[in-house]
C-alpha atoms as a PDB file:
ATOM      1  CA  UNK A   1     153.872  40.037  56.949  1.00  0.00           C
ATOM      2  CA  UNK A   2     156.999  40.283  57.363  1.00  0.00           C
ATOM      3  CA  UNK A   3     159.212  43.480  57.380  1.00  0.00           C
ATOM      4  CA  UNK A   4     162.672  43.993  56.684  1.00  0.00           C
ATOM      5  CA  UNK A   5     165.667  46.506  56.341  1.00  0.00           C
ATOM      6  CA  UNK A   6     166.474  48.461  53.016  1.00  0.00           C
ATOM      7  CA  UNK A   7     169.888  47.466  52.386  1.00  0.00           C
ATOM      8  CA  UNK A   8     172.036  49.024  54.919  1.00  0.00           C
ATOM      9  CA  UNK A   9     169.429  51.945  55.303  1.00  0.00           C
ATOM     10  CA  UNK A  10     167.072  50.871  59.208  1.00  0.00           C
ATOM     11  CA  UNK A  11     164.555  51.501  56.391  1.00  0.00           C
ATOM     12  CA  UNK A  12     161.683  48.694  57.466  1.00  0.00           C
ATOM     13  CA  UNK A  13     160.011  47.721  54.229  1.00  0.00           C
ATOM     14  CA  UNK A  14     157.488  44.807  53.815  1.00  0.00           C
ATOM     15  CA  UNK A  15     159.577  41.882  52.027  1.00  0.00           C
ATOM     16  CA  UNK A  16     156.036  41.958  49.390  1.00  0.00           C
ATOM     17  CA  UNK A  17     155.841  45.527  47.270  1.00  0.00           C
ATOM     18  CA  UNK A  18     152.918  46.573  45.505  1.00  0.00           C
ATOM     19  CA  UNK A  19     153.849  47.464  41.641  1.00  0.00           C
ATOM     20  CA  UNK A  20     151.514  50.427  40.316  1.00  0.00           C
ATOM     21  CA  UNK A  21     152.562  49.992  37.309  1.00  0.00           C
ATOM     22  CA  UNK A  22     148.827  48.091  36.476  1.00  0.00           C
ATOM     23  CA  UNK A  23     146.996  50.934  37.948  1.00  0.00           C
ATOM     24  CA  UNK A  24     146.627  54.264  36.267  1.00  0.00           C
ATOM     25  CA  UNK A  25     145.191  55.469  32.312  1.00  0.00           C
ATOM     26  CA  UNK A  26     143.436  51.890  30.446  1.00  0.00           C
ATOM     27  CA  UNK A  27     144.511  54.177  27.420  1.00  0.00           C
ATOM     28  CA  UNK A  28     147.984  54.101  28.136  1.00  0.00           C
ATOM     29  CA  UNK A  29     148.204  49.995  28.141  1.00  0.00           C
ATOM     30  CA  UNK A  30     145.037  48.234  27.752  1.00  0.00           C
ATOM     31  CA  UNK A  31     145.658  45.939  30.818  1.00  0.00           C
ATOM     32  CA  UNK A  32     146.433  48.882  33.106  1.00  0.00           C
ATOM     33  CA  UNK A  33     143.076  49.449  35.555  1.00  0.00           C
ATOM     34  CA  UNK A  34     141.330  52.213  36.021  1.00  0.00           C
ATOM     35  CA  UNK A  35     140.629  53.884  39.687  1.00  0.00           C
ATOM     36  CA  UNK A  36     137.681  52.884  40.309  1.00  0.00           C
ATOM     37  CA  UNK A  37     139.370  49.248  39.413  1.00  0.00           C
ATOM     38  CA  UNK A  38     142.976  49.822  41.118  1.00  0.00           C
ATOM     39  CA  UNK A  39     140.951  51.164  44.742  1.00  0.00           C
ATOM     40  CA  UNK A  40     140.613  47.890  46.156  1.00  0.00           C
ATOM     41  CA  UNK A  41     143.541  46.798  45.215  1.00  0.00           C
ATOM     42  CA  UNK A  42     145.744  49.112  47.592  1.00  0.00           C
ATOM     43  CA  UNK A  43     142.719  48.375  50.080  1.00  0.00           C
ATOM     44  CA  UNK A  44     143.693  44.574  50.034  1.00  0.00           C
ATOM     45  CA  UNK A  45     147.711  45.367  50.187  1.00  0.00           C
ATOM     46  CA  UNK A  46     147.535  47.563  53.343  1.00  0.00           C
ATOM     47  CA  UNK A  47     145.278  45.180  54.983  1.00  0.00           C
ATOM     48  CA  UNK A  48     147.663  42.286  53.966  1.00  0.00           C
ATOM     49  CA  UNK A  49     150.073  44.198  56.188  1.00  0.00           C
ATOM     50  CA  UNK A  50     152.224  45.714  52.711  1.00  0.00           C
ATOM     51  CA  UNK A  51     153.617  49.509  53.623  1.00  0.00           C
ATOM     52  CA  UNK A  52     156.229  49.632  50.379  1.00  0.00           C
ATOM     53  CA  UNK A  53     154.243  50.676  46.910  1.00  0.00           C
ATOM     54  CA  UNK A  54     156.293  51.408  43.887  1.00  0.00           C
ATOM     55  CA  UNK A  55     155.282  53.622  40.915  1.00  0.00           C
ATOM     56  CA  UNK A  56     157.013  56.300  38.529  1.00  0.00           C
ATOM     57  CA  UNK A  57     156.379  59.152  36.791  1.00  0.00           C
ATOM     58  CA  UNK A  58     156.104  57.770  33.365  1.00  0.00           C
ATOM     59  CA  UNK A  59     153.559  54.942  34.362  1.00  0.00           C
ATOM     60  CA  UNK A  60     150.264  56.062  32.594  1.00  0.00           C
ATOM     61  CA  UNK A  61     151.643  59.766  32.009  1.00  0.00           C
ATOM     62  CA  UNK A  62     151.973  60.198  35.396  1.00  0.00           C
ATOM     63  CA  UNK A  63     148.131  59.061  36.735  1.00  0.00           C
ATOM     64  CA  UNK A  64     149.246  55.959  38.319  1.00  0.00           C
ATOM     65  CA  UNK A  65     151.275  58.522  40.557  1.00  0.00           C
ATOM     66  CA  UNK A  66     147.697  60.947  40.675  1.00  0.00           C
ATOM     67  CA  UNK A  67     145.661  57.443  41.926  1.00  0.00           C
ATOM     68  CA  UNK A  68     148.365  55.571  44.122  1.00  0.00           C
ATOM     69  CA  UNK A  69     148.681  59.062  45.736  1.00  0.00           C
ATOM     70  CA  UNK A  70     145.085  59.719  46.689  1.00  0.00           C
ATOM     71  CA  UNK A  71     144.514  55.710  48.015  1.00  0.00           C
ATOM     72  CA  UNK A  72     147.203  55.892  50.433  1.00  0.00           C
ATOM     73  CA  UNK A  73     146.604  59.397  51.697  1.00  0.00           C
ATOM     74  CA  UNK A  74     143.308  57.797  51.946  1.00  0.00           C
ATOM     75  CA  UNK A  75     143.116  54.386  53.293  1.00  0.00           C
ATOM     76  CA  UNK A  76     146.764  54.334  55.353  1.00  0.00           C
ATOM     77  CA  UNK A  77     148.656  55.897  57.885  1.00  0.00           C
ATOM     78  CA  UNK A  78     151.425  57.454  55.800  1.00  0.00           C
ATOM     79  CA  UNK A  79     153.848  57.314  58.722  1.00  0.00           C
ATOM     80  CA  UNK A  80     154.347  53.945  58.415  1.00  0.00           C
ATOM     81  CA  UNK A  81     153.989  53.854  54.285  1.00  0.00           C
ATOM     82  CA  UNK A  82     157.431  53.421  52.451  1.00  0.00           C
ATOM     83  CA  UNK A  83     156.111  55.236  48.887  1.00  0.00           C
ATOM     84  CA  UNK A  84     158.543  55.207  46.308  1.00  0.00           C
ATOM     85  CA  UNK A  85     158.892  56.737  42.485  1.00  0.00           C
ATOM     86  CA  UNK A  86     161.217  56.880  39.813  1.00  0.00           C
ATOM     87  CA  UNK A  87     162.198  59.597  36.604  1.00  0.00           C
ATOM     88  CA  UNK A  88     164.423  58.631  34.301  1.00  0.00           C
ATOM     89  CA  UNK A  89     161.725  58.108  30.455  1.00  0.00           C
ATOM     90  CA  UNK A  90     160.499  61.275  28.759  1.00  0.00           C
ATOM     91  CA  UNK A  91     157.086  62.529  29.817  1.00  0.00           C
ATOM     92  CA  UNK A  92     156.849  64.295  27.112  1.00  0.00           C
ATOM     93  CA  UNK A  93     158.078  64.758  23.224  1.00  0.00           C
ATOM     94  CA  UNK A  94     159.532  68.507  24.138  1.00  0.00           C
ATOM     95  CA  UNK A  95     163.197  68.963  25.379  1.00  0.00           C
ATOM     96  CA  UNK A  96     164.482  68.204  29.513  1.00  0.00           C
ATOM     97  CA  UNK A  97     161.478  66.248  30.269  1.00  0.00           C
ATOM     98  CA  UNK A  98     163.364  62.685  30.364  1.00  0.00           C
ATOM     99  CA  UNK A  99     166.736  61.998  31.253  1.00  0.00           C
ATOM    100  CA  UNK A 100     169.155  61.792  34.021  1.00  0.00           C
ATOM    101  CA  UNK A 101     169.859  65.911  33.973  1.00  0.00           C
ATOM    102  CA  UNK A 102     169.847  68.219  36.977  1.00  0.00           C
ATOM    103  CA  UNK A 103     167.104  70.002  35.595  1.00  0.00           C
ATOM    104  CA  UNK A 104     164.668  66.754  34.484  1.00  0.00           C
ATOM    105  CA  UNK A 105     165.575  65.009  38.141  1.00  0.00           C
ATOM    106  CA  UNK A 106     164.179  68.000  40.068  1.00  0.00           C
ATOM    107  CA  UNK A 107     161.443  69.916  37.732  1.00  0.00           C
ATOM    108  CA  UNK A 108     160.710  65.480  37.592  1.00  0.00           C
ATOM    109  CA  UNK A 109     160.530  65.651  40.965  1.00  0.00           C
ATOM    110  CA  UNK A 110     158.316  68.758  41.998  1.00  0.00           C
ATOM    111  CA  UNK A 111     156.125  67.568  39.555  1.00  0.00           C
ATOM    112  CA  UNK A 112     156.064  63.683  41.147  1.00  0.00           C
ATOM    113  CA  UNK A 113     154.980  65.595  44.325  1.00  0.00           C
ATOM    114  CA  UNK A 114     152.940  67.240  43.221  1.00  0.00           C
ATOM    115  CA  UNK A 115     150.997  63.835  41.707  1.00  0.00           C
ATOM    116  CA  UNK A 116     151.828  61.722  44.913  1.00  0.00           C
ATOM    117  CA  UNK A 117     150.033  64.974  46.887  1.00  0.00           C
ATOM    118  CA  UNK A 118     153.002  64.328  49.649  1.00  0.00           C
ATOM    119  CA  UNK A 119     155.599  66.831  51.292  1.00  0.00           C
ATOM    120  CA  UNK A 120     158.364  63.826  50.205  1.00  0.00           C
ATOM    121  CA  UNK A 121     159.032  61.079  48.892  1.00  0.00           C
ATOM    122  CA  UNK A 122     160.715  58.502  50.835  1.00  0.00           C
ATOM    123  CA  UNK A 123     162.505  56.077  47.775  1.00  0.00           C
ATOM    124  CA  UNK A 124     163.123  58.125  44.689  1.00  0.00           C
ATOM    125  CA  UNK A 125     165.060  56.248  41.980  1.00  0.00           C
ATOM    126  CA  UNK A 126     166.608  56.531  38.764  1.00  0.00           C
ATOM    127  CA  UNK A 127     164.483  54.609  36.189  1.00  0.00           C
ATOM    128  CA  UNK A 128     167.696  53.195  34.377  1.00  0.00           C
ATOM    129  CA  UNK A 129     171.040  54.373  33.902  1.00  0.00           C
ATOM    130  CA  UNK A 130     170.983  55.893  30.687  1.00  0.00           C
ATOM    131  CA  UNK A 131     172.106  58.708  29.387  1.00  0.00           C
ATOM    132  CA  UNK A 132     174.956  61.286  28.500  1.00  0.00           C
ATOM    133  CA  UNK A 133     174.771  62.873  32.041  1.00  0.00           C
ATOM    134  CA  UNK A 134     177.852  62.532  33.837  1.00  0.00           C
ATOM    135  CA  UNK A 135     176.539  60.976  37.127  1.00  0.00           C
ATOM    136  CA  UNK A 136     177.891  63.556  38.847  1.00  0.00           C
ATOM    137  CA  UNK A 137     175.545  66.012  37.953  1.00  0.00           C
ATOM    138  CA  UNK A 138     172.453  63.285  38.297  1.00  0.00           C
ATOM    139  CA  UNK A 139     173.920  62.338  42.090  1.00  0.00           C
ATOM    140  CA  UNK A 140     174.443  65.953  43.391  1.00  0.00           C
ATOM    141  CA  UNK A 141     170.866  66.826  41.894  1.00  0.00           C
ATOM    142  CA  UNK A 142     169.425  63.476  44.174  1.00  0.00           C
ATOM    143  CA  UNK A 143     171.882  64.656  46.746  1.00  0.00           C
ATOM    144  CA  UNK A 144     169.838  68.314  46.735  1.00  0.00           C
ATOM    145  CA  UNK A 145     166.407  66.895  46.582  1.00  0.00           C
ATOM    146  CA  UNK A 146     167.728  65.298  49.890  1.00  0.00           C
ATOM    147  CA  UNK A 147     169.037  67.743  51.819  1.00  0.00           C
ATOM    148  CA  UNK A 148     165.827  70.177  50.414  1.00  0.00           C
ATOM    149  CA  UNK A 149     163.318  67.303  52.389  1.00  0.00           C
ATOM    150  CA  UNK A 150     161.631  66.300  49.128  1.00  0.00           C
ATOM    151  CA  UNK A 151     163.585  63.125  49.137  1.00  0.00           C
ATOM    152  CA  UNK A 152     164.542  60.731  52.092  1.00  0.00           C
ATOM    153  CA  UNK A 153     166.449  57.952  50.373  1.00  0.00           C
ATOM    154  CA  UNK A 154     167.760  57.065  46.447  1.00  0.00           C
ATOM    155  CA  UNK A 155     167.851  54.391  44.653  1.00  0.00           C
ATOM    156  CA  UNK A 156     168.561  52.907  41.229  1.00  0.00           C
ATOM    157  CA  UNK A 157     167.215  50.340  38.543  1.00  0.00           C
ATOM    158  CA  UNK A 158     168.610  48.473  35.938  1.00  0.00           C
ATOM    159  CA  UNK A 159     172.315  49.090  34.929  1.00  0.00           C
ATOM    160  CA  UNK A 160     175.514  47.399  34.425  1.00  0.00           C
ATOM    161  CA  UNK A 161     177.424  46.452  37.737  1.00  0.00           C
ATOM    162  CA  UNK A 162     180.261  49.168  36.910  1.00  0.00           C
ATOM    163  CA  UNK A 163     177.913  51.905  36.624  1.00  0.00           C
ATOM    164  CA  UNK A 164     176.343  51.085  40.282  1.00  0.00           C
ATOM    165  CA  UNK A 165     180.018  50.839  41.470  1.00  0.00           C
ATOM    166  CA  UNK A 166     181.135  54.145  39.778  1.00  0.00           C
ATOM    167  CA  UNK A 167     177.731  55.742  40.961  1.00  0.00           C
ATOM    168  CA  UNK A 168     178.473  54.702  44.845  1.00  0.00           C
ATOM    169  CA  UNK A 169     182.214  55.464  44.631  1.00  0.00           C
ATOM    170  CA  UNK A 170     181.404  59.034  43.648  1.00  0.00           C
ATOM    171  CA  UNK A 171     178.825  59.207  46.445  1.00  0.00           C
ATOM    172  CA  UNK A 172     180.972  58.454  49.118  1.00  0.00           C
ATOM    173  CA  UNK A 173     183.986  60.794  47.566  1.00  0.00           C
ATOM    174  CA  UNK A 174     182.217  64.049  47.350  1.00  0.00           C
ATOM    175  CA  UNK A 175     179.898  62.680  50.476  1.00  0.00           C
ATOM    176  CA  UNK A 176     176.672  62.668  48.686  1.00  0.00           C
ATOM    177  CA  UNK A 177     173.266  60.718  49.248  1.00  0.00           C
ATOM    178  CA  UNK A 178     173.989  57.165  48.396  1.00  0.00           C
ATOM    179  CA  UNK A 179     171.841  54.259  46.868  1.00  0.00           C
ATOM    180  CA  UNK A 180     170.303  52.439  48.725  1.00  0.00           C
ATOM    181  CA  UNK A 181     168.457  50.130  46.924  1.00  0.00           C
ATOM    182  CA  UNK A 182     168.670  48.444  42.923  1.00  0.00           C
ATOM    183  CA  UNK A 183     165.432  47.781  41.799  1.00  0.00           C
ATOM    184  CA  UNK A 184     166.409  45.356  38.895  1.00  0.00           C
ATOM    185  CA  UNK A 185     165.587  42.351  36.634  1.00  0.00           C
ATOM    186  CA  UNK A 186     166.117  38.900  38.252  1.00  0.00           C
ATOM    187  CA  UNK A 187     163.692  36.103  38.247  1.00  0.00           C
ATOM    188  CA  UNK A 188     163.968  32.346  37.453  1.00  0.00           C
ATOM    189  CA  UNK A 189     164.055  32.917  34.245  1.00  0.00           C
ATOM    190  CA  UNK A 190     166.434  35.861  34.124  1.00  0.00           C
ATOM    191  CA  UNK A 191     169.311  35.692  36.325  1.00  0.00           C
ATOM    192  CA  UNK A 192     171.996  37.473  35.008  1.00  0.00           C
ATOM    193  CA  UNK A 193     171.747  39.780  37.329  1.00  0.00           C
ATOM    194  CA  UNK A 194     173.459  37.205  39.514  1.00  0.00           C
ATOM    195  CA  UNK A 195     176.912  37.478  37.867  1.00  0.00           C
ATOM    196  CA  UNK A 196     177.841  41.065  38.956  1.00  0.00           C
ATOM    197  CA  UNK A 197     175.059  43.057  39.985  1.00  0.00           C
ATOM    198  CA  UNK A 198     173.776  41.053  43.212  1.00  0.00           C
ATOM    199  CA  UNK A 199     177.318  40.154  44.717  1.00  0.00           C
ATOM    200  CA  UNK A 200     177.989  43.696  44.352  1.00  0.00           C
ATOM    201  CA  UNK A 201     174.689  44.637  45.928  1.00  0.00           C
ATOM    202  CA  UNK A 202     175.614  42.168  48.875  1.00  0.00           C
ATOM    203  CA  UNK A 203     178.654  43.981  49.555  1.00  0.00           C
ATOM    204  CA  UNK A 204     177.792  47.397  49.610  1.00  0.00           C
ATOM    205  CA  UNK A 205     174.626  46.884  51.487  1.00  0.00           C
ATOM    206  CA  UNK A 206     172.778  47.786  48.538  1.00  0.00           C
ATOM    207  CA  UNK A 207     168.830  46.302  48.684  1.00  0.00           C
ATOM    208  CA  UNK A 208     167.452  43.979  46.007  1.00  0.00           C
ATOM    209  CA  UNK A 209     164.235  44.895  45.338  1.00  0.00           C
ATOM    210  CA  UNK A 210     163.552  43.109  41.915  1.00  0.00           C
ATOM    211  CA  UNK A 211     161.215  43.499  39.242  1.00  0.00           C
ATOM    212  CA  UNK A 212     159.125  41.182  37.052  1.00  0.00           C
ATOM    213  CA  UNK A 213     159.492  38.561  39.908  1.00  0.00           C
ATOM    214  CA  UNK A 214     157.144  36.202  37.619  1.00  0.00           C
ATOM    215  CA  UNK A 215     158.270  37.504  34.604  1.00  0.00           C
ATOM    216  CA  UNK A 216     155.071  39.482  33.577  1.00  0.00           C
ATOM    217  CA  UNK A 217     153.271  35.956  34.813  1.00  0.00           C
ATOM    218  CA  UNK A 218     155.284  33.575  33.051  1.00  0.00           C
ATOM    219  CA  UNK A 219     156.686  31.638  36.423  1.00  0.00           C
ATOM    220  CA  UNK A 220     152.445  31.705  37.716  1.00  0.00           C
ATOM    221  CA  UNK A 221     150.757  29.836  35.184  1.00  0.00           C
ATOM    222  CA  UNK A 222     149.614  26.397  35.601  1.00  0.00           C
ATOM    223  CA  UNK A 223     149.521  24.902  32.617  1.00  0.00           C
ATOM    224  CA  UNK A 224     151.867  24.883  29.558  1.00  0.00           C
ATOM    225  CA  UNK A 225     151.296  27.977  27.929  1.00  0.00           C
ATOM    226  CA  UNK A 226     153.792  30.317  28.403  1.00  0.00           C
ATOM    227  CA  UNK A 227     151.337  33.362  28.223  1.00  0.00           C
ATOM    228  CA  UNK A 228     147.546  33.529  28.443  1.00  0.00           C
ATOM    229  CA  UNK A 229     145.757  33.475  31.671  1.00  0.00           C
ATOM    230  CA  UNK A 230     145.531  37.187  32.465  1.00  0.00           C
ATOM    231  CA  UNK A 231     144.557  40.643  30.642  1.00  0.00           C
ATOM    232  CA  UNK A 232     148.063  41.411  31.317  1.00  0.00           C
ATOM    233  CA  UNK A 233     149.430  38.393  29.780  1.00  0.00           C
ATOM    234  CA  UNK A 234     146.967  39.026  26.454  1.00  0.00           C
ATOM    235  CA  UNK A 235     148.837  41.668  25.837  1.00  0.00           C
ATOM    236  CA  UNK A 236     152.302  42.842  26.766  1.00  0.00           C
ATOM    237  CA  UNK A 237     153.776  42.825  24.090  1.00  0.00           C
ATOM    238  CA  UNK A 238     157.298  43.602  26.415  1.00  0.00           C
ATOM    239  CA  UNK A 239     157.280  40.331  27.503  1.00  0.00           C
ATOM    240  CA  UNK A 240     157.763  38.290  24.452  1.00  0.00           C
ATOM    241  CA  UNK A 241     161.154  40.386  24.028  1.00  0.00           C
ATOM    242  CA  UNK A 242     162.415  39.773  27.505  1.00  0.00           C
ATOM    243  CA  UNK A 243     161.731  35.909  27.504  1.00  0.00           C
ATOM    244  CA  UNK A 244     162.007  34.303  24.477  1.00  0.00           C
ATOM    245  CA  UNK A 245     165.044  31.892  25.134  1.00  0.00           C
ATOM    246  CA  UNK A 246     164.188  28.458  24.591  1.00  0.00           C
ATOM    247  CA  UNK A 247     165.292  27.197  27.687  1.00  0.00           C
ATOM    248  CA  UNK A 248     162.497  29.500  29.259  1.00  0.00           C
ATOM    249  CA  UNK A 249     160.021  26.648  28.944  1.00  0.00           C
ATOM    250  CA  UNK A 250     162.312  24.594  30.511  1.00  0.00           C
ATOM    251  CA  UNK A 251     162.337  25.960  33.391  1.00  0.00           C
ATOM    252  CA  UNK A 252     158.523  26.776  33.446  1.00  0.00           C
ATOM    253  CA  UNK A 253     158.587  22.713  33.514  1.00  0.00           C
ATOM    254  CA  UNK A 254     160.424  22.692  36.200  1.00  0.00           C
ATOM    255  CA  UNK A 255     158.511  25.232  38.462  1.00  0.00           C
ATOM    256  CA  UNK A 256     155.663  23.263  37.643  1.00  0.00           C
ATOM    257  CA  UNK A 257     156.725  20.359  38.331  1.00  0.00           C
ATOM    258  CA  UNK A 258     157.861  21.567  41.808  1.00  0.00           C
ATOM    259  CA  UNK A 259     154.754  23.186  42.156  1.00  0.00           C
ATOM    260  CA  UNK A 260     152.722  20.143  41.715  1.00  0.00           C
ATOM    261  CA  UNK A 261     155.231  17.664  44.084  1.00  0.00           C
ATOM    262  CA  UNK A 262     154.325  20.826  46.703  1.00  0.00           C
ATOM    263  CA  UNK A 263     151.022  21.221  46.180  1.00  0.00           C
ATOM    264  CA  UNK A 264     151.327  24.245  46.005  1.00  0.00           C
ATOM    265  CA  UNK A 265     150.312  27.174  42.554  1.00  0.00           C
ATOM    266  CA  UNK A 266     153.611  27.585  40.689  1.00  0.00           C
ATOM    267  CA  UNK A 267     153.397  31.721  41.634  1.00  0.00           C
ATOM    268  CA  UNK A 268     154.402  30.856  45.289  1.00  0.00           C
ATOM    269  CA  UNK A 269     157.290  28.741  44.665  1.00  0.00           C
ATOM    270  CA  UNK A 270     158.836  31.445  42.191  1.00  0.00           C
ATOM    271  CA  UNK A 271     158.723  34.296  44.686  1.00  0.00           C
ATOM    272  CA  UNK A 272     159.509  31.763  47.601  1.00  0.00           C
ATOM    273  CA  UNK A 273     162.805  30.571  45.232  1.00  0.00           C
ATOM    274  CA  UNK A 274     163.710  34.412  44.867  1.00  0.00           C
ATOM    275  CA  UNK A 275     162.494  35.614  48.463  1.00  0.00           C
ATOM    276  CA  UNK A 276     165.100  33.006  49.743  1.00  0.00           C
ATOM    277  CA  UNK A 277     168.161  34.486  47.498  1.00  0.00           C
ATOM    278  CA  UNK A 278     170.791  37.018  48.894  1.00  0.00           C
ATOM    279  CA  UNK A 279     170.268  40.014  49.008  1.00  0.00           C
ATOM    280  CA  UNK A 280     166.563  40.466  47.721  1.00  0.00           C
ATOM    281  CA  UNK A 281     164.489  42.148  50.571  1.00  0.00           C
ATOM    282  CA  UNK A 282     160.950  42.803  48.598  1.00  0.00           C
ATOM    283  CA  UNK A 283     159.858  41.855  45.273  1.00  0.00           C
ATOM    284  CA  UNK A 284     157.581  44.122  42.927  1.00  0.00           C
ATOM    285  CA  UNK A 285     154.457  42.393  42.229  1.00  0.00           C
ATOM    286  CA  UNK A 286     152.216  43.705  39.825  1.00  0.00           C
ATOM    287  CA  UNK A 287     148.180  42.627  40.691  1.00  0.00           C
ATOM    288  CA  UNK A 288     145.709  42.228  38.031  1.00  0.00           C
ATOM    289  CA  UNK A 289     143.438  40.268  40.585  1.00  0.00           C
ATOM    290  CA  UNK A 290     143.293  40.690  44.104  1.00  0.00           C
ATOM    291  CA  UNK A 291     143.762  36.763  44.618  1.00  0.00           C
ATOM    292  CA  UNK A 292     147.370  37.526  43.093  1.00  0.00           C
ATOM    293  CA  UNK A 293     148.455  39.937  46.434  1.00  0.00           C
ATOM    294  CA  UNK A 294     147.315  36.644  48.681  1.00  0.00           C
ATOM    295  CA  UNK A 295     149.522  34.268  46.625  1.00  0.00           C
ATOM    296  CA  UNK A 296     152.762  36.655  46.578  1.00  0.00           C
ATOM    297  CA  UNK A 297     152.142  36.816  50.611  1.00  0.00           C
ATOM    298  CA  UNK A 298     151.293  33.178  50.985  1.00  0.00           C
ATOM    299  CA  UNK A 299     154.656  32.995  49.520  1.00  0.00           C
ATOM    300  CA  UNK A 300     156.652  34.097  52.654  1.00  0.00           C
ATOM    301  CA  UNK A 301     155.830  30.853  54.173  1.00  0.00           C
ATOM    302  CA  UNK A 302     156.676  28.854  51.550  1.00  0.00           C
ATOM    303  CA  UNK A 303     160.138  27.286  52.357  1.00  0.00           C
ATOM    304  CA  UNK A 304     161.956  25.280  49.611  1.00  0.00           C
ATOM    305  CA  UNK A 305     164.318  23.194  50.108  1.00  0.00           C
ATOM    306  CA  UNK A 306     167.906  23.020  48.604  1.00  0.00           C
ATOM    307  CA  UNK A 307     166.822  19.892  46.152  1.00  0.00           C
ATOM    308  CA  UNK A 308     163.738  22.110  45.348  1.00  0.00           C
ATOM    309  CA  UNK A 309     166.142  24.951  44.488  1.00  0.00           C
ATOM    310  CA  UNK A 310     168.496  22.714  42.490  1.00  0.00           C
ATOM    311  CA  UNK A 311     165.796  21.725  40.797  1.00  0.00           C
ATOM    312  CA  UNK A 312     164.253  24.905  39.837  1.00  0.00           C
ATOM    313  CA  UNK A 313     167.822  26.463  38.661  1.00  0.00           C
ATOM    314  CA  UNK A 314     169.305  23.516  36.818  1.00  0.00           C
ATOM    315  CA  UNK A 315     167.416  24.307  33.711  1.00  0.00           C
ATOM    316  CA  UNK A 316     168.037  27.587  33.740  1.00  0.00           C
ATOM    317  CA  UNK A 317     171.050  28.825  30.596  1.00  0.00           C
ATOM    318  CA  UNK A 318     172.987  32.290  29.884  1.00  0.00           C
ATOM    319  CA  UNK A 319     170.865  35.196  28.551  1.00  0.00           C
ATOM    320  CA  UNK A 320     171.712  38.072  26.402  1.00  0.00           C
ATOM    321  CA  UNK A 321     171.708  41.390  29.219  1.00  0.00           C
ATOM    322  CA  UNK A 322     167.685  42.939  29.064  1.00  0.00           C
ATOM    323  CA  UNK A 323     166.099  44.879  30.878  1.00  0.00           C
ATOM    324  CA  UNK A 324     168.879  47.576  30.989  1.00  0.00           C
END
């Protein structure tokens, strides 16, 4: 396993992050693995040297946090683990149960701490920038959680570069805790983040932790089918919304061609490309088969030449902004 600092924070994370949206309650999403099925994935990840685990309060409506917390407390040395979770999406239909207000973030953090069974969350994200709450209220609440010792670092996920720039500026003006990580939508099928967000993060020392690094499995296909192959791919309606451009098929074909040329699985090639991109620290892997973790870790040792990268990148065409 390789490790790297997350932004300018000094926080050391494995260059592969295990995304725990996959583990929770199958009643929430049909592709989610229940606890007994999920536990081997945490064990395997730890054996491979992964120390970075990402979940969110809304994944299985809290069950993912419960399972993740139990597994890691039992299997790992928690002082070595970087445990991340997120808040924003509504946890119920009631008022104050979602968003970026001080009330929701503070009570959401406290609820996550109880479910995870820990005293401090290593990395606490705002799950989206959406909402009418002034960014100053949001950042002051996050800073309050840091000073209380309930959160060590803060991050943001999926927004516009101007929103991120405004937040960083507000933190600096007021002496508040600053975002160290941007968890954004970035892969070979969706590269719009290269225009503004990623250059901003590089300039400001914010680490990039991409979600959907394999485009919900589309970049892992070894056959022309863009979707079939896993339980999640067969039932993931959100993937259809994210990846519906005609040029997406051309990118998938290019990945398969380069993979065949190199004698590597398409998933390894796609992840290797992402790991070589400026600013990218640790892609978030969603594994529904144990071998997905082995593939992800092997990608760390795959080196793509400039010619390989050009072949992978040339078919890309501009996309509408998606994932915010």
